[in-house]
Amino acid sequence: MRNAPKVELQTLRGGEPEDTREPCSALNYHGFSGIDVEVVEAVIAWLQAQR
């Protein structure tokens, strides 16, 4: 893929599920439960870097 744009991957670890019945709910890992602030800060930093 020679012409594909370069991308940067940022991973975040941590968080604790609050709802173990639904693995894809907002209160589980896919909803960034427990690391909400860290995720929002990472998104804001990425958006500001795009200016």
C-alpha atoms as a PDB file:
ATOM      1  CA  MET A   1       0.000   0.000   0.000  1.00  0.00           C
ATOM      2  CA  ARG A   2       2.447   2.577  -1.196  1.00  0.00           C
ATOM      3  CA  ASN A   3      -0.065   5.387  -1.601  1.00  0.00           C
ATOM      4  CA  ALA A   4      -1.905   4.860   1.673  1.00  0.00           C
ATOM      5  CA  PRO A   5      -1.720   7.782   4.088  1.00  0.00           C
ATOM      6  CA  LYS A   6       0.389   7.433   7.203  1.00  0.00           C
ATOM      7  CA  VAL A   7      -1.671   6.892  10.336  1.00  0.00           C
ATOM      8  CA  GLU A   8      -0.841   7.059  14.017  1.00  0.00           C
ATOM      9  CA  LEU A   9      -2.289   4.563  16.451  1.00  0.00           C
ATOM     10  CA  GLN A  10      -2.839   5.485  20.055  1.00  0.00           C
ATOM     11  CA  THR A  11      -3.880   2.824  22.521  1.00  0.00           C
ATOM     12  CA  LEU A  12      -5.285   3.327  25.980  1.00  0.00           C
ATOM     13  CA  ARG A  13      -5.312   0.702  28.696  1.00  0.00           C
ATOM     14  CA  GLY A  14      -7.333   0.358  31.824  1.00  0.00           C
ATOM     15  CA  GLY A  15     -10.909   0.863  32.765  1.00  0.00           C
ATOM     16  CA  GLU A  16     -13.255  -1.381  34.635  1.00  0.00           C
ATOM     17  CA  PRO A  17     -16.559  -2.677  33.339  1.00  0.00           C
ATOM     18  CA  GLU A  18     -19.628  -1.661  35.327  1.00  0.00           C
ATOM     19  CA  ASP A  19     -22.043  -3.827  33.353  1.00  0.00           C
ATOM     20  CA  THR A  20     -20.820  -7.370  32.753  1.00  0.00           C
ATOM     21  CA  ARG A  21     -24.099  -8.499  31.169  1.00  0.00           C
ATOM     22  CA  GLU A  22     -23.605  -6.541  27.958  1.00  0.00           C
ATOM     23  CA  PRO A  23     -19.989  -6.637  26.709  1.00  0.00           C
ATOM     24  CA  CYS A  24     -20.593  -3.890  24.125  1.00  0.00           C
ATOM     25  CA  SER A  25     -22.595  -1.510  26.296  1.00  0.00           C
ATOM     26  CA  ALA A  26     -21.523   2.012  27.215  1.00  0.00           C
ATOM     27  CA  LEU A  27     -20.821   0.781  30.751  1.00  0.00           C
ATOM     28  CA  ASN A  28     -18.225  -1.740  29.612  1.00  0.00           C
ATOM     29  CA  TYR A  29     -14.797  -1.752  27.937  1.00  0.00           C
ATOM     30  CA  HIS A  30     -16.190  -0.625  24.566  1.00  0.00           C
ATOM     31  CA  GLY A  31     -17.667   2.403  26.286  1.00  0.00           C
ATOM     32  CA  PHE A  32     -14.322   3.399  27.846  1.00  0.00           C
ATOM     33  CA  SER A  33     -15.728   2.870  31.334  1.00  0.00           C
ATOM     34  CA  GLY A  34     -13.274   4.091  33.955  1.00  0.00           C
ATOM     35  CA  ILE A  35     -10.943   5.853  31.502  1.00  0.00           C
ATOM     36  CA  ASP A  36     -13.434   8.411  30.166  1.00  0.00           C
ATOM     37  CA  VAL A  37     -11.293  11.444  31.022  1.00  0.00           C
ATOM     38  CA  GLU A  38      -8.161   9.933  29.463  1.00  0.00           C
ATOM     39  CA  VAL A  39     -10.057   9.122  26.254  1.00  0.00           C
ATOM     40  CA  VAL A  40     -11.567  12.599  25.983  1.00  0.00           C
ATOM     41  CA  GLU A  41      -8.169  14.213  26.558  1.00  0.00           C
ATOM     42  CA  ALA A  42      -6.605  12.026  23.846  1.00  0.00           C
ATOM     43  CA  VAL A  43      -9.362  12.935  21.376  1.00  0.00           C
ATOM     44  CA  ILE A  44      -9.048  16.654  22.152  1.00  0.00           C
ATOM     45  CA  ALA A  45      -5.262  16.515  21.705  1.00  0.00           C
ATOM     46  CA  TRP A  46      -5.696  14.752  18.347  1.00  0.00           C
ATOM     47  CA  LEU A  47      -8.280  17.283  17.168  1.00  0.00           C
ATOM     48  CA  GLN A  48      -6.083  20.216  18.150  1.00  0.00           C
ATOM     49  CA  ALA A  49      -3.135  18.683  16.297  1.00  0.00           C
ATOM     50  CA  GLN A  50      -5.241  18.616  13.104  1.00  0.00           C
ATOM     51  CA  ARG A  51      -5.521  22.422  12.942  1.00  0.00           C
END
